[in-house]
Amino acid sequence: MTEITICPKCQSDNIYFDGSMYICPDCGYECTANEEQDAELDNTPRDSNGTELVTGDAVTVIQDLKVKGSSMVIKRGTKVKSIRLTDEPTEVDCKIDGSSIVLKTCFLRK
């Protein structure tokens, strides 16, 4: 059985094994080890609801995000147009207020 250390949905490291399933207390995600192995093989970028993302999509930010290295805060409900996929399936590149920013897909909704 493979040891899961990071939640595949929210990327939190608080995931734990309760004897039969892996559970993330932060987002409530539950899966068995077999489901996790299947999910690892699928590298398609997905938003917080599991909807597949493609380059050019418009998404909405689902919670307030502080931008590291600046005093900028991206407010919940901010619409982001024309996202670009990166090599990392959990990240997308976009422009907000003229600034190029990389956002985690777990904070986005299509």
PDB file of N, CA and C in Angstrom:
ATOM      1  N   MET A   1       0.840  -1.174   0.000  1.00  0.00           N
ATOM      2  CA  MET A   1       0.000   0.000   0.000  1.00  0.00           C
ATOM      3  C   MET A   1       0.888   1.242   0.000  1.00  0.00           C
ATOM      4  N   THR A   2       0.564   2.203  -0.834  1.00  0.00           N
ATOM      5  CA  THR A   2       1.345   3.420  -0.959  1.00  0.00           C
ATOM      6  C   THR A   2       0.968   4.406   0.145  1.00  0.00           C
ATOM      7  N   GLU A   3       1.946   5.043   0.729  1.00  0.00           N
ATOM      8  CA  GLU A   3       1.729   6.050   1.764  1.00  0.00           C
ATOM      9  C   GLU A   3       1.386   7.379   1.099  1.00  0.00           C
ATOM     10  N   ILE A   4       0.234   7.945   1.427  1.00  0.00           N
ATOM     11  CA  ILE A   4      -0.179   9.236   0.890  1.00  0.00           C
ATOM     12  C   ILE A   4       0.171  10.296   1.922  1.00  0.00           C
ATOM     13  N   THR A   5       0.887  11.327   1.505  1.00  0.00           N
ATOM     14  CA  THR A   5       1.306  12.351   2.450  1.00  0.00           C
ATOM     15  C   THR A   5       0.701  13.712   2.158  1.00  0.00           C
ATOM     16  N   ILE A   6       0.151  13.914   0.952  1.00  0.00           N
ATOM     17  CA  ILE A   6      -0.429  15.199   0.577  1.00  0.00           C
ATOM     18  C   ILE A   6      -1.813  14.958  -0.014  1.00  0.00           C
ATOM     19  N   CYS A   7      -2.791  15.764   0.386  1.00  0.00           N
ATOM     20  CA  CYS A   7      -4.150  15.651  -0.141  1.00  0.00           C
ATOM     21  C   CYS A   7      -4.152  16.008  -1.628  1.00  0.00           C
ATOM     22  N   PRO A   8      -4.700  15.160  -2.484  1.00  0.00           N
ATOM     23  CA  PRO A   8      -4.719  15.461  -3.911  1.00  0.00           C
ATOM     24  C   PRO A   8      -5.682  16.582  -4.282  1.00  0.00           C
ATOM     25  N   LYS A   9      -6.622  16.909  -3.393  1.00  0.00           N
ATOM     26  CA  LYS A   9      -7.596  17.947  -3.702  1.00  0.00           C
ATOM     27  C   LYS A   9      -7.113  19.337  -3.290  1.00  0.00           C
ATOM     28  N   CYS A  10      -6.646  19.482  -2.043  1.00  0.00           N
ATOM     29  CA  CYS A  10      -6.274  20.815  -1.549  1.00  0.00           C
ATOM     30  C   CYS A  10      -4.775  20.976  -1.298  1.00  0.00           C
ATOM     31  N   GLN A  11      -3.993  19.928  -1.531  1.00  0.00           N
ATOM     32  CA  GLN A  11      -2.535  19.931  -1.357  1.00  0.00           C
ATOM     33  C   GLN A  11      -2.093  20.141   0.091  1.00  0.00           C
ATOM     34  N   SER A  12      -2.976  19.892   1.040  1.00  0.00           N
ATOM     35  CA  SER A  12      -2.642  19.992   2.461  1.00  0.00           C
ATOM     36  C   SER A  12      -1.832  18.772   2.896  1.00  0.00           C
ATOM     37  N   ASP A  13      -0.949  18.951   3.875  1.00  0.00           N
ATOM     38  CA  ASP A  13      -0.165  17.823   4.375  1.00  0.00           C
ATOM     39  C   ASP A  13      -0.752  17.244   5.661  1.00  0.00           C
ATOM     40  N   ASN A  14      -2.013  17.556   5.971  1.00  0.00           N
ATOM     41  CA  ASN A  14      -2.670  17.051   7.181  1.00  0.00           C
ATOM     42  C   ASN A  14      -3.402  15.735   6.955  1.00  0.00           C
ATOM     43  N   ILE A  15      -3.258  15.101   5.813  1.00  0.00           N
ATOM     44  CA  ILE A  15      -4.005  13.882   5.495  1.00  0.00           C
ATOM     45  C   ILE A  15      -3.558  12.740   6.423  1.00  0.00           C
ATOM     46  N   TYR A  16      -4.514  11.884   6.800  1.00  0.00           N
ATOM     47  CA  TYR A  16      -4.187  10.763   7.681  1.00  0.00           C
ATOM     48  C   TYR A  16      -4.940   9.509   7.245  1.00  0.00           C
ATOM     49  N   PHE A  17      -4.463   8.365   7.672  1.00  0.00           N
ATOM     50  CA  PHE A  17      -5.064   7.065   7.349  1.00  0.00           C
ATOM     51  C   PHE A  17      -5.847   6.604   8.557  1.00  0.00           C
ATOM     52  N   ASP A  18      -7.141   6.282   8.392  1.00  0.00           N
ATOM     53  CA  ASP A  18      -7.961   5.866   9.534  1.00  0.00           C
ATOM     54  C   ASP A  18      -8.171   4.357   9.606  1.00  0.00           C
ATOM     55  N   GLY A  19      -7.405   3.583   8.853  1.00  0.00           N
ATOM     56  CA  GLY A  19      -7.522   2.139   8.870  1.00  0.00           C
ATOM     57  C   GLY A  19      -8.029   1.579   7.564  1.00  0.00           C
ATOM     58  N   SER A  20      -8.903   2.319   6.896  1.00  0.00           N
ATOM     59  CA  SER A  20      -9.417   1.846   5.610  1.00  0.00           C
ATOM     60  C   SER A  20      -9.350   2.917   4.529  1.00  0.00           C
ATOM     61  N   MET A  21      -9.326   4.194   4.933  1.00  0.00           N
ATOM     62  CA  MET A  21      -9.323   5.295   3.955  1.00  0.00           C
ATOM     63  C   MET A  21      -8.365   6.393   4.396  1.00  0.00           C
ATOM     64  N   TYR A  22      -7.918   7.178   3.420  1.00  0.00           N
ATOM     65  CA  TYR A  22      -7.159   8.386   3.697  1.00  0.00           C
ATOM     66  C   TYR A  22      -8.146   9.540   3.774  1.00  0.00           C
ATOM     67  N   ILE A  23      -7.998  10.396   4.796  1.00  0.00           N
ATOM     68  CA  ILE A  23      -8.936  11.491   5.030  1.00  0.00           C
ATOM     69  C   ILE A  23      -8.166  12.789   5.221  1.00  0.00           C
ATOM     70  N   CYS A  24      -8.657  13.852   4.575  1.00  0.00           N
ATOM     71  CA  CYS A  24      -8.088  15.191   4.758  1.00  0.00           C
ATOM     72  C   CYS A  24      -9.057  15.998   5.618  1.00  0.00           C
ATOM     73  N   PRO A  25      -8.663  16.395   6.831  1.00  0.00           N
ATOM     74  CA  PRO A  25      -9.577  17.147   7.687  1.00  0.00           C
ATOM     75  C   PRO A  25      -9.802  18.583   7.202  1.00  0.00           C
ATOM     76  N   ASP A  26      -8.912  19.101   6.349  1.00  0.00           N
ATOM     77  CA  ASP A  26      -9.050  20.475   5.880  1.00  0.00           C
ATOM     78  C   ASP A  26     -10.176  20.630   4.856  1.00  0.00           C
ATOM     79  N   CYS A  27     -10.246  19.706   3.866  1.00  0.00           N
ATOM     80  CA  CYS A  27     -11.255  19.834   2.811  1.00  0.00           C
ATOM     81  C   CYS A  27     -12.287  18.718   2.843  1.00  0.00           C
ATOM     82  N   GLY A  28     -12.081  17.686   3.679  1.00  0.00           N
ATOM     83  CA  GLY A  28     -13.028  16.582   3.781  1.00  0.00           C
ATOM     84  C   GLY A  28     -12.865  15.519   2.712  1.00  0.00           C
ATOM     85  N   TYR A  29     -11.795  15.564   1.949  1.00  0.00           N
ATOM     86  CA  TYR A  29     -11.560  14.590   0.879  1.00  0.00           C
ATOM     87  C   TYR A  29     -11.253  13.232   1.483  1.00  0.00           C
ATOM     88  N   GLU A  30     -11.880  12.182   0.918  1.00  0.00           N
ATOM     89  CA  GLU A  30     -11.646  10.809   1.363  1.00  0.00           C
ATOM     90  C   GLU A  30     -11.350   9.937   0.158  1.00  0.00           C
ATOM     91  N   CYS A  31     -10.378   9.037   0.284  1.00  0.00           N
ATOM     92  CA  CYS A  31     -10.093   8.099  -0.801  1.00  0.00           C
ATOM     93  C   CYS A  31      -9.352   6.890  -0.251  1.00  0.00           C
ATOM     94  N   THR A  32      -9.394   5.811  -1.004  1.00  0.00           N
ATOM     95  CA  THR A  32      -8.615   4.631  -0.672  1.00  0.00           C
ATOM     96  C   THR A  32      -7.278   4.747  -1.377  1.00  0.00           C
ATOM     97  N   ALA A  33      -6.341   3.909  -1.047  1.00  0.00           N
ATOM     98  CA  ALA A  33      -5.020   3.956  -1.673  1.00  0.00           C
ATOM     99  C   ALA A  33      -5.121   3.678  -3.167  1.00  0.00           C
ATOM    100  N   ASN A  34      -6.022   2.781  -3.580  1.00  0.00           N
ATOM    101  CA  ASN A  34      -6.183   2.469  -5.000  1.00  0.00           C
ATOM    102  C   ASN A  34      -6.717   3.663  -5.779  1.00  0.00           C
ATOM    103  N   GLU A  35      -7.676   4.404  -5.206  1.00  0.00           N
ATOM    104  CA  GLU A  35      -8.203   5.596  -5.866  1.00  0.00           C
ATOM    105  C   GLU A  35      -7.102   6.637  -6.021  1.00  0.00           C
ATOM    106  N   GLU A  36      -6.257   6.759  -5.002  1.00  0.00           N
ATOM    107  CA  GLU A  36      -5.162   7.737  -5.039  1.00  0.00           C
ATOM    108  C   GLU A  36      -4.166   7.375  -6.136  1.00  0.00           C
ATOM    109  N   GLN A  37      -3.859   6.099  -6.287  1.00  0.00           N
ATOM    110  CA  GLN A  37      -2.920   5.699  -7.330  1.00  0.00           C
ATOM    111  C   GLN A  37      -3.494   6.015  -8.704  1.00  0.00           C
ATOM    112  N   ASP A  38      -4.794   5.810  -8.902  1.00  0.00           N
ATOM    113  CA  ASP A  38      -5.430   6.153 -10.168  1.00  0.00           C
ATOM    114  C   ASP A  38      -5.405   7.660 -10.390  1.00  0.00           C
ATOM    115  N   ALA A  39      -5.604   8.445  -9.339  1.00  0.00           N
ATOM    116  CA  ALA A  39      -5.590   9.897  -9.455  1.00  0.00           C
ATOM    117  C   ALA A  39      -4.193  10.418  -9.790  1.00  0.00           C
ATOM    118  N   GLU A  40      -3.148   9.739  -9.280  1.00  0.00           N
ATOM    119  CA  GLU A  40      -1.786  10.173  -9.575  1.00  0.00           C
ATOM    120  C   GLU A  40      -1.452   9.986 -11.051  1.00  0.00           C
ATOM    121  N   LEU A  41      -2.032   8.991 -11.686  1.00  0.00           N
ATOM    122  CA  LEU A  41      -1.790   8.760 -13.098  1.00  0.00           C
ATOM    123  C   LEU A  41      -2.456   9.819 -13.964  1.00  0.00           C
ATOM    124  N   ASP A  42      -3.522  10.415 -13.495  1.00  0.00           N
ATOM    125  CA  ASP A  42      -4.251  11.447 -14.225  1.00  0.00           C
ATOM    126  C   ASP A  42      -3.662  12.813 -13.902  1.00  0.00           C
ATOM    127  N   ASN A  43      -2.925  13.411 -14.833  1.00  0.00           N
ATOM    128  CA  ASN A  43      -2.269  14.692 -14.598  1.00  0.00           C
ATOM    129  C   ASN A  43      -3.002  15.855 -15.240  1.00  0.00           C
ATOM    130  N   THR A  44      -4.305  15.730 -15.460  1.00  0.00           N
ATOM    131  CA  THR A  44      -5.045  16.842 -16.035  1.00  0.00           C
ATOM    132  C   THR A  44      -5.353  17.855 -14.942  1.00  0.00           C
ATOM    133  N   PRO A  45      -5.144  19.132 -15.234  1.00  0.00           N
ATOM    134  CA  PRO A  45      -5.435  20.168 -14.235  1.00  0.00           C
ATOM    135  C   PRO A  45      -6.937  20.250 -13.969  1.00  0.00           C
ATOM    136  N   ARG A  46      -7.301  20.305 -12.706  1.00  0.00           N
ATOM    137  CA  ARG A  46      -8.709  20.375 -12.328  1.00  0.00           C
ATOM    138  C   ARG A  46      -8.907  21.478 -11.280  1.00  0.00           C
ATOM    139  N   ASP A  47     -10.079  22.125 -11.328  1.00  0.00           N
ATOM    140  CA  ASP A  47     -10.386  23.167 -10.358  1.00  0.00           C
ATOM    141  C   ASP A  47     -10.833  22.553  -9.039  1.00  0.00           C
ATOM    142  N   SER A  48     -11.297  23.364  -8.106  1.00  0.00           N
ATOM    143  CA  SER A  48     -11.672  22.869  -6.783  1.00  0.00           C
ATOM    144  C   SER A  48     -12.871  21.920  -6.817  1.00  0.00           C
ATOM    145  N   ASN A  49     -13.682  21.987  -7.855  1.00  0.00           N
ATOM    146  CA  ASN A  49     -14.839  21.105  -7.991  1.00  0.00           C
ATOM    147  C   ASN A  49     -14.548  19.872  -8.842  1.00  0.00           C
ATOM    148  N   GLY A  50     -13.326  19.752  -9.352  1.00  0.00           N
ATOM    149  CA  GLY A  50     -12.961  18.599 -10.162  1.00  0.00           C
ATOM    150  C   GLY A  50     -13.187  18.781 -11.649  1.00  0.00           C
ATOM    151  N   THR A  51     -13.572  19.983 -12.071  1.00  0.00           N
ATOM    152  CA  THR A  51     -13.789  20.264 -13.485  1.00  0.00           C
ATOM    153  C   THR A  51     -12.445  20.454 -14.177  1.00  0.00           C
ATOM    154  N   GLU A  52     -12.282  19.843 -15.342  1.00  0.00           N
ATOM    155  CA  GLU A  52     -11.020  19.931 -16.074  1.00  0.00           C
ATOM    156  C   GLU A  52     -10.792  21.355 -16.586  1.00  0.00           C
ATOM    157  N   LEU A  53      -9.576  21.851 -16.425  1.00  0.00           N
ATOM    158  CA  LEU A  53      -9.203  23.183 -16.895  1.00  0.00           C
ATOM    159  C   LEU A  53      -8.385  23.075 -18.172  1.00  0.00           C
ATOM    160  N   VAL A  54      -8.581  24.024 -19.084  1.00  0.00           N
ATOM    161  CA  VAL A  54      -7.792  24.098 -20.308  1.00  0.00           C
ATOM    162  C   VAL A  54      -7.309  25.530 -20.481  1.00  0.00           C
ATOM    163  N   THR A  55      -6.262  25.704 -21.289  1.00  0.00           N
ATOM    164  CA  THR A  55      -5.728  27.041 -21.545  1.00  0.00           C
ATOM    165  C   THR A  55      -6.813  27.908 -22.166  1.00  0.00           C
ATOM    166  N   GLY A  56      -6.943  29.144 -21.650  1.00  0.00           N
ATOM    167  CA  GLY A  56      -7.929  30.084 -22.158  1.00  0.00           C
ATOM    168  C   GLY A  56      -9.205  30.144 -21.352  1.00  0.00           C
ATOM    169  N   ASP A  57      -9.376  29.244 -20.381  1.00  0.00           N
ATOM    170  CA  ASP A  57     -10.577  29.250 -19.543  1.00  0.00           C
ATOM    171  C   ASP A  57     -10.645  30.500 -18.684  1.00  0.00           C
ATOM    172  N   ALA A  58     -11.861  30.858 -18.290  1.00  0.00           N
ATOM    173  CA  ALA A  58     -12.088  31.915 -17.314  1.00  0.00           C
ATOM    174  C   ALA A  58     -12.473  31.235 -16.007  1.00  0.00           C
ATOM    175  N   VAL A  59     -11.848  31.631 -14.905  1.00  0.00           N
ATOM    176  CA  VAL A  59     -12.095  31.023 -13.603  1.00  0.00           C
ATOM    177  C   VAL A  59     -12.372  32.107 -12.570  1.00  0.00           C
ATOM    178  N   THR A  60     -12.883  31.680 -11.416  1.00  0.00           N
ATOM    179  CA  THR A  60     -13.169  32.581 -10.304  1.00  0.00           C
ATOM    180  C   THR A  60     -12.399  32.106  -9.081  1.00  0.00           C
ATOM    181  N   VAL A  61     -11.827  33.037  -8.328  1.00  0.00           N
ATOM    182  CA  VAL A  61     -11.099  32.723  -7.092  1.00  0.00           C
ATOM    183  C   VAL A  61     -12.127  32.459  -6.002  1.00  0.00           C
ATOM    184  N   ILE A  62     -11.964  31.361  -5.236  1.00  0.00           N
ATOM    185  CA  ILE A  62     -12.982  30.968  -4.256  1.00  0.00           C
ATOM    186  C   ILE A  62     -12.687  31.423  -2.823  1.00  0.00           C
ATOM    187  N   GLN A  63     -11.501  31.978  -2.575  1.00  0.00           N
ATOM    188  CA  GLN A  63     -11.225  32.526  -1.241  1.00  0.00           C
ATOM    189  C   GLN A  63     -10.171  33.619  -1.364  1.00  0.00           C
ATOM    190  N   ASP A  64     -10.103  34.502  -0.356  1.00  0.00           N
ATOM    191  CA  ASP A  64      -9.107  35.574  -0.360  1.00  0.00           C
ATOM    192  C   ASP A  64      -7.711  34.976  -0.308  1.00  0.00           C
ATOM    193  N   LEU A  65      -6.829  35.460  -1.188  1.00  0.00           N
ATOM    194  CA  LEU A  65      -5.464  34.946  -1.251  1.00  0.00           C
ATOM    195  C   LEU A  65      -4.470  36.085  -1.077  1.00  0.00           C
ATOM    196  N   LYS A  66      -3.538  35.930  -0.135  1.00  0.00           N
ATOM    197  CA  LYS A  66      -2.460  36.899   0.024  1.00  0.00           C
ATOM    198  C   LYS A  66      -1.354  36.528  -0.951  1.00  0.00           C
ATOM    199  N   VAL A  67      -0.831  37.514  -1.665  1.00  0.00           N
ATOM    200  CA  VAL A  67       0.238  37.268  -2.631  1.00  0.00           C
ATOM    201  C   VAL A  67       1.567  37.400  -1.905  1.00  0.00           C
ATOM    202  N   LYS A  68       2.377  36.334  -1.958  1.00  0.00           N
ATOM    203  CA  LYS A  68       3.671  36.356  -1.277  1.00  0.00           C
ATOM    204  C   LYS A  68       4.566  37.421  -1.884  1.00  0.00           C
ATOM    205  N   GLY A  69       5.267  38.138  -1.045  1.00  0.00           N
ATOM    206  CA  GLY A  69       6.225  39.131  -1.511  1.00  0.00           C
ATOM    207  C   GLY A  69       5.601  40.466  -1.846  1.00  0.00           C
ATOM    208  N   SER A  70       4.310  40.647  -1.582  1.00  0.00           N
ATOM    209  CA  SER A  70       3.686  41.945  -1.828  1.00  0.00           C
ATOM    210  C   SER A  70       2.549  42.133  -0.835  1.00  0.00           C
ATOM    211  N   SER A  71       1.979  43.318  -0.846  1.00  0.00           N
ATOM    212  CA  SER A  71       0.854  43.595   0.044  1.00  0.00           C
ATOM    213  C   SER A  71      -0.475  43.356  -0.671  1.00  0.00           C
ATOM    214  N   MET A  72      -0.422  42.827  -1.872  1.00  0.00           N
ATOM    215  CA  MET A  72      -1.614  42.590  -2.687  1.00  0.00           C
ATOM    216  C   MET A  72      -2.425  41.409  -2.136  1.00  0.00           C
ATOM    217  N   VAL A  73      -3.744  41.545  -2.156  1.00  0.00           N
ATOM    218  CA  VAL A  73      -4.660  40.475  -1.770  1.00  0.00           C
ATOM    219  C   VAL A  73      -5.625  40.271  -2.923  1.00  0.00           C
ATOM    220  N   ILE A  74      -5.766  39.038  -3.351  1.00  0.00           N
ATOM    221  CA  ILE A  74      -6.734  38.703  -4.392  1.00  0.00           C
ATOM    222  C   ILE A  74      -8.025  38.321  -3.676  1.00  0.00           C
ATOM    223  N   LYS A  75      -9.064  39.089  -3.884  1.00  0.00           N
ATOM    224  CA  LYS A  75     -10.327  38.894  -3.172  1.00  0.00           C
ATOM    225  C   LYS A  75     -11.125  37.727  -3.734  1.00  0.00           C
ATOM    226  N   ARG A  76     -11.900  37.104  -2.867  1.00  0.00           N
ATOM    227  CA  ARG A  76     -12.799  36.031  -3.281  1.00  0.00           C
ATOM    228  C   ARG A  76     -13.780  36.584  -4.307  1.00  0.00           C
ATOM    229  N   GLY A  77     -14.044  35.821  -5.353  1.00  0.00           N
ATOM    230  CA  GLY A  77     -14.966  36.252  -6.398  1.00  0.00           C
ATOM    231  C   GLY A  77     -14.284  36.949  -7.564  1.00  0.00           C
ATOM    232  N   THR A  78     -12.968  37.168  -7.477  1.00  0.00           N
ATOM    233  CA  THR A  78     -12.239  37.798  -8.575  1.00  0.00           C
ATOM    234  C   THR A  78     -12.272  36.874  -9.789  1.00  0.00           C
ATOM    235  N   LYS A  79     -12.686  37.436 -10.934  1.00  0.00           N
ATOM    236  CA  LYS A  79     -12.735  36.648 -12.164  1.00  0.00           C
ATOM    237  C   LYS A  79     -11.410  36.790 -12.888  1.00  0.00           C
ATOM    238  N   VAL A  80     -10.859  35.662 -13.297  1.00  0.00           N
ATOM    239  CA  VAL A  80      -9.582  35.622 -14.000  1.00  0.00           C
ATOM    240  C   VAL A  80      -9.843  35.053 -15.386  1.00  0.00           C
ATOM    241  N   LYS A  81      -9.510  35.831 -16.414  1.00  0.00           N
ATOM    242  CA  LYS A  81      -9.751  35.391 -17.790  1.00  0.00           C
ATOM    243  C   LYS A  81      -8.459  34.885 -18.404  1.00  0.00           C
ATOM    244  N   SER A  82      -8.593  33.991 -19.339  1.00  0.00           N
ATOM    245  CA  SER A  82      -7.479  33.484 -20.152  1.00  0.00           C
ATOM    246  C   SER A  82      -6.333  32.927 -19.314  1.00  0.00           C
ATOM    247  N   ILE A  83      -6.613  31.895 -18.542  1.00  0.00           N
ATOM    248  CA  ILE A  83      -5.550  31.240 -17.785  1.00  0.00           C
ATOM    249  C   ILE A  83      -4.655  30.463 -18.745  1.00  0.00           C
ATOM    250  N   ARG A  84      -3.427  30.210 -18.319  1.00  0.00           N
ATOM    251  CA  ARG A  84      -2.481  29.401 -19.084  1.00  0.00           C
ATOM    252  C   ARG A  84      -2.019  28.264 -18.185  1.00  0.00           C
ATOM    253  N   LEU A  85      -2.057  27.045 -18.713  1.00  0.00           N
ATOM    254  CA  LEU A  85      -1.613  25.883 -17.948  1.00  0.00           C
ATOM    255  C   LEU A  85      -0.093  25.872 -17.867  1.00  0.00           C
ATOM    256  N   THR A  86       0.430  25.335 -16.765  1.00  0.00           N
ATOM    257  CA  THR A  86       1.870  25.218 -16.570  1.00  0.00           C
ATOM    258  C   THR A  86       2.249  23.742 -16.628  1.00  0.00           C
ATOM    259  N   ASP A  87       3.529  23.452 -16.463  1.00  0.00           N
ATOM    260  CA  ASP A  87       3.982  22.063 -16.440  1.00  0.00           C
ATOM    261  C   ASP A  87       3.465  21.332 -15.204  1.00  0.00           C
ATOM    262  N   GLU A  88       3.183  22.058 -14.158  1.00  0.00           N
ATOM    263  CA  GLU A  88       2.656  21.498 -12.911  1.00  0.00           C
ATOM    264  C   GLU A  88       1.126  21.471 -12.992  1.00  0.00           C
ATOM    265  N   PRO A  89       0.480  20.306 -12.895  1.00  0.00           N
ATOM    266  CA  PRO A  89      -0.977  20.240 -13.055  1.00  0.00           C
ATOM    267  C   PRO A  89      -1.773  20.917 -11.940  1.00  0.00           C
ATOM    268  N   THR A  90      -1.136  21.283 -10.836  1.00  0.00           N
ATOM    269  CA  THR A  90      -1.854  21.949  -9.744  1.00  0.00           C
ATOM    270  C   THR A  90      -1.691  23.462  -9.783  1.00  0.00           C
ATOM    271  N   GLU A  91      -1.090  23.997 -10.842  1.00  0.00           N
ATOM    272  CA  GLU A  91      -0.855  25.443 -10.942  1.00  0.00           C
ATOM    273  C   GLU A  91      -1.257  25.964 -12.308  1.00  0.00           C
ATOM    274  N   VAL A  92      -1.764  27.218 -12.335  1.00  0.00           N
ATOM    275  CA  VAL A  92      -2.053  27.903 -13.586  1.00  0.00           C
ATOM    276  C   VAL A  92      -1.419  29.286 -13.535  1.00  0.00           C
ATOM    277  N   ASP A  93      -1.063  29.802 -14.694  1.00  0.00           N
ATOM    278  CA  ASP A  93      -0.473  31.131 -14.821  1.00  0.00           C
ATOM    279  C   ASP A  93      -1.559  32.070 -15.322  1.00  0.00           C
ATOM    280  N   CYS A  94      -1.621  33.284 -14.772  1.00  0.00           N
ATOM    281  CA  CYS A  94      -2.648  34.236 -15.191  1.00  0.00           C
ATOM    282  C   CYS A  94      -2.179  35.655 -14.909  1.00  0.00           C
ATOM    283  N   LYS A  95      -2.971  36.623 -15.372  1.00  0.00           N
ATOM    284  CA  LYS A  95      -2.698  38.028 -15.083  1.00  0.00           C
ATOM    285  C   LYS A  95      -3.861  38.596 -14.291  1.00  0.00           C
ATOM    286  N   ILE A  96      -3.515  39.236 -13.167  1.00  0.00           N
ATOM    287  CA  ILE A  96      -4.506  39.903 -12.341  1.00  0.00           C
ATOM    288  C   ILE A  96      -4.005  41.311 -12.092  1.00  0.00           C
ATOM    289  N   ASP A  97      -4.795  42.303 -12.470  1.00  0.00           N
ATOM    290  CA  ASP A  97      -4.437  43.714 -12.329  1.00  0.00           C
ATOM    291  C   ASP A  97      -3.085  44.014 -12.975  1.00  0.00           C
ATOM    292  N   GLY A  98      -2.794  43.391 -14.103  1.00  0.00           N
ATOM    293  CA  GLY A  98      -1.556  43.642 -14.836  1.00  0.00           C
ATOM    294  C   GLY A  98      -0.351  42.882 -14.314  1.00  0.00           C
ATOM    295  N   SER A  99      -0.502  42.129 -13.237  1.00  0.00           N
ATOM    296  CA  SER A  99       0.601  41.364 -12.671  1.00  0.00           C
ATOM    297  C   SER A  99       0.459  39.889 -13.051  1.00  0.00           C
ATOM    298  N   SER A 100       1.536  39.280 -13.510  1.00  0.00           N
ATOM    299  CA  SER A 100       1.529  37.861 -13.843  1.00  0.00           C
ATOM    300  C   SER A 100       1.687  37.068 -12.553  1.00  0.00           C
ATOM    301  N   ILE A 101       0.731  36.162 -12.293  1.00  0.00           N
ATOM    302  CA  ILE A 101       0.684  35.429 -11.028  1.00  0.00           C
ATOM    303  C   ILE A 101       0.420  33.956 -11.319  1.00  0.00           C
ATOM    304  N   VAL A 102       1.000  33.087 -10.518  1.00  0.00           N
ATOM    305  CA  VAL A 102       0.728  31.653 -10.585  1.00  0.00           C
ATOM    306  C   VAL A 102      -0.195  31.315  -9.421  1.00  0.00           C
ATOM    307  N   LEU A 103      -1.334  30.679  -9.738  1.00  0.00           N
ATOM    308  CA  LEU A 103      -2.307  30.307  -8.718  1.00  0.00           C
ATOM    309  C   LEU A 103      -2.471  28.802  -8.638  1.00  0.00           C
ATOM    310  N   LYS A 104      -2.739  28.301  -7.450  1.00  0.00           N
ATOM    311  CA  LYS A 104      -3.035  26.880  -7.255  1.00  0.00           C
ATOM    312  C   LYS A 104      -4.469  26.627  -7.738  1.00  0.00           C
ATOM    313  N   THR A 105      -4.665  25.502  -8.430  1.00  0.00           N
ATOM    314  CA  THR A 105      -5.978  25.183  -8.973  1.00  0.00           C
ATOM    315  C   THR A 105      -7.007  24.890  -7.886  1.00  0.00           C
ATOM    316  N   CYS A 106      -6.565  24.513  -6.690  1.00  0.00           N
ATOM    317  CA  CYS A 106      -7.510  24.212  -5.603  1.00  0.00           C
ATOM    318  C   CYS A 106      -8.227  25.466  -5.097  1.00  0.00           C
ATOM    319  N   PHE A 107      -7.769  26.661  -5.484  1.00  0.00           N
ATOM    320  CA  PHE A 107      -8.408  27.912  -5.085  1.00  0.00           C
ATOM    321  C   PHE A 107      -9.231  28.518  -6.214  1.00  0.00           C
ATOM    322  N   LEU A 108      -9.463  27.747  -7.282  1.00  0.00           N
ATOM    323  CA  LEU A 108     -10.173  28.259  -8.454  1.00  0.00           C
ATOM    324  C   LEU A 108     -11.434  27.444  -8.729  1.00  0.00           C
ATOM    325  N   ARG A 109     -12.411  28.101  -9.357  1.00  0.00           N
ATOM    326  CA  ARG A 109     -13.647  27.452  -9.772  1.00  0.00           C
ATOM    327  C   ARG A 109     -13.948  27.914 -11.198  1.00  0.00           C
ATOM    328  N   LYS A 110     -14.272  26.974 -12.072  1.00  0.00           N
ATOM    329  CA  LYS A 110     -14.547  27.305 -13.458  1.00  0.00           C
ATOM    330  C   LYS A 110     -15.923  27.898 -13.603  1.00  0.00           C
TER     331      LYS A 110
END
